[in-house]
Amino acid sequence: MNILDENIPEHQRQILQKWRVRVYQIGYDVARKGIKDDEIISFLIRKRQPTFFTRDDDFYHRHLCHARYCLVFFISITL
């Protein structure tokens, strides 16, 4: 299950859907908008093999590693 954080822009979600990648977005398809980070972790643990994509650097911490989910953190680079 591919889950996008609510901070992933709509146009990027649409691109994935156009490519027929099934994605669910926080605040639109699953959970509620404005859900707290610790609630997202609890939500992920209850799902079956979720992959969570985010741009929120609060998720870039080793202590969040867990066997029940995968976290993908996108780093924005400004040139």
Protein backbone atom coordinates (compact mmCIF):
# COMPACT_ATOMS: atom_id res chain seq x y z
CA MET A 1 0.00 0.00 0.00
CA ASN A 2 1.53 3.31 -1.13
CA ILE A 3 0.57 6.17 1.16
CA LEU A 4 1.41 9.78 0.35
CA ASP A 5 1.75 12.38 3.07
CA GLU A 6 -0.57 15.35 2.71
CA ASN A 7 2.49 17.46 1.82
CA ILE A 8 2.91 15.68 -1.52
CA PRO A 9 1.51 18.04 -4.19
CA GLU A 10 -1.70 17.09 -5.99
CA HIS A 11 -0.05 17.16 -9.43
CA GLN A 12 2.48 14.54 -8.33
CA ARG A 13 -0.33 12.35 -7.04
CA GLN A 14 -2.11 12.70 -10.38
CA ILE A 15 1.03 11.68 -12.27
CA LEU A 16 1.29 8.49 -10.22
CA GLN A 17 -2.38 7.72 -10.80
CA LYS A 18 -1.97 8.32 -14.53
CA TRP A 19 0.84 5.73 -14.47
CA ARG A 20 -1.65 3.41 -12.73
CA VAL A 21 0.23 3.42 -9.46
CA ARG A 22 -2.30 2.93 -6.71
CA VAL A 23 -1.74 5.58 -4.04
CA TYR A 24 -3.68 6.78 -1.05
CA GLN A 25 -3.09 10.23 0.37
CA ILE A 26 -3.36 11.31 3.99
CA GLY A 27 -6.28 13.69 4.39
CA TYR A 28 -7.94 12.65 1.12
CA ASP A 29 -8.19 8.87 0.88
CA VAL A 30 -7.03 7.73 4.32
CA ALA A 31 -6.87 9.23 7.79
CA ARG A 32 -7.77 12.88 8.31
CA LYS A 33 -6.14 16.08 7.16
CA GLY A 34 -3.80 17.49 9.80
CA ILE A 35 -3.11 14.13 11.45
CA LYS A 36 -0.12 14.31 13.83
CA ASP A 37 3.15 12.55 12.98
CA ASP A 38 2.90 10.07 15.87
CA GLU A 39 -0.64 9.19 14.75
CA ILE A 40 0.68 8.50 11.25
CA ILE A 41 3.20 6.04 12.69
CA SER A 42 0.42 4.25 14.61
CA PHE A 43 -1.69 4.22 11.45
CA LEU A 44 1.17 2.69 9.42
CA ILE A 45 1.80 -0.06 11.97
CA ARG A 46 -1.82 -1.21 11.62
CA LYS A 47 -1.62 -1.48 7.81
CA ARG A 48 -0.23 -4.41 5.82
CA GLN A 49 3.20 -3.56 4.34
CA PRO A 50 2.64 0.18 3.83
CA THR A 51 5.17 2.46 2.17
CA PHE A 52 4.85 6.07 3.33
CA PHE A 53 6.18 8.86 1.10
CA THR A 54 6.81 12.24 2.70
CA ARG A 55 8.71 15.51 2.37
CA ASP A 56 8.53 16.12 6.14
CA ASP A 57 12.01 15.89 7.66
CA ASP A 58 10.46 14.98 11.02
CA PHE A 59 10.32 11.43 9.62
CA TYR A 60 14.06 11.38 8.90
CA HIS A 61 15.06 9.79 12.19
CA ARG A 62 16.57 6.38 12.80
CA HIS A 63 14.29 5.69 15.78
CA LEU A 64 11.31 5.58 13.38
CA CYS A 65 12.68 2.51 11.58
CA HIS A 66 10.27 -0.39 11.98
CA ALA A 67 9.72 -3.78 10.34
CA ARG A 68 5.99 -3.07 9.79
CA TYR A 69 6.37 -0.19 7.33
CA CYS A 70 8.72 1.59 4.95
CA LEU A 71 9.41 5.34 5.13
CA VAL A 72 10.53 7.23 2.03
CA PHE A 73 11.74 10.75 2.72
CA PHE A 74 12.18 13.08 -0.25
CA ILE A 75 14.90 15.67 0.16
CA SER A 76 14.34 18.91 -1.71
CA ILE A 77 17.45 20.35 -3.25
CA THR A 78 17.57 23.98 -4.28
CA LEU A 79 20.22 25.00 -6.73
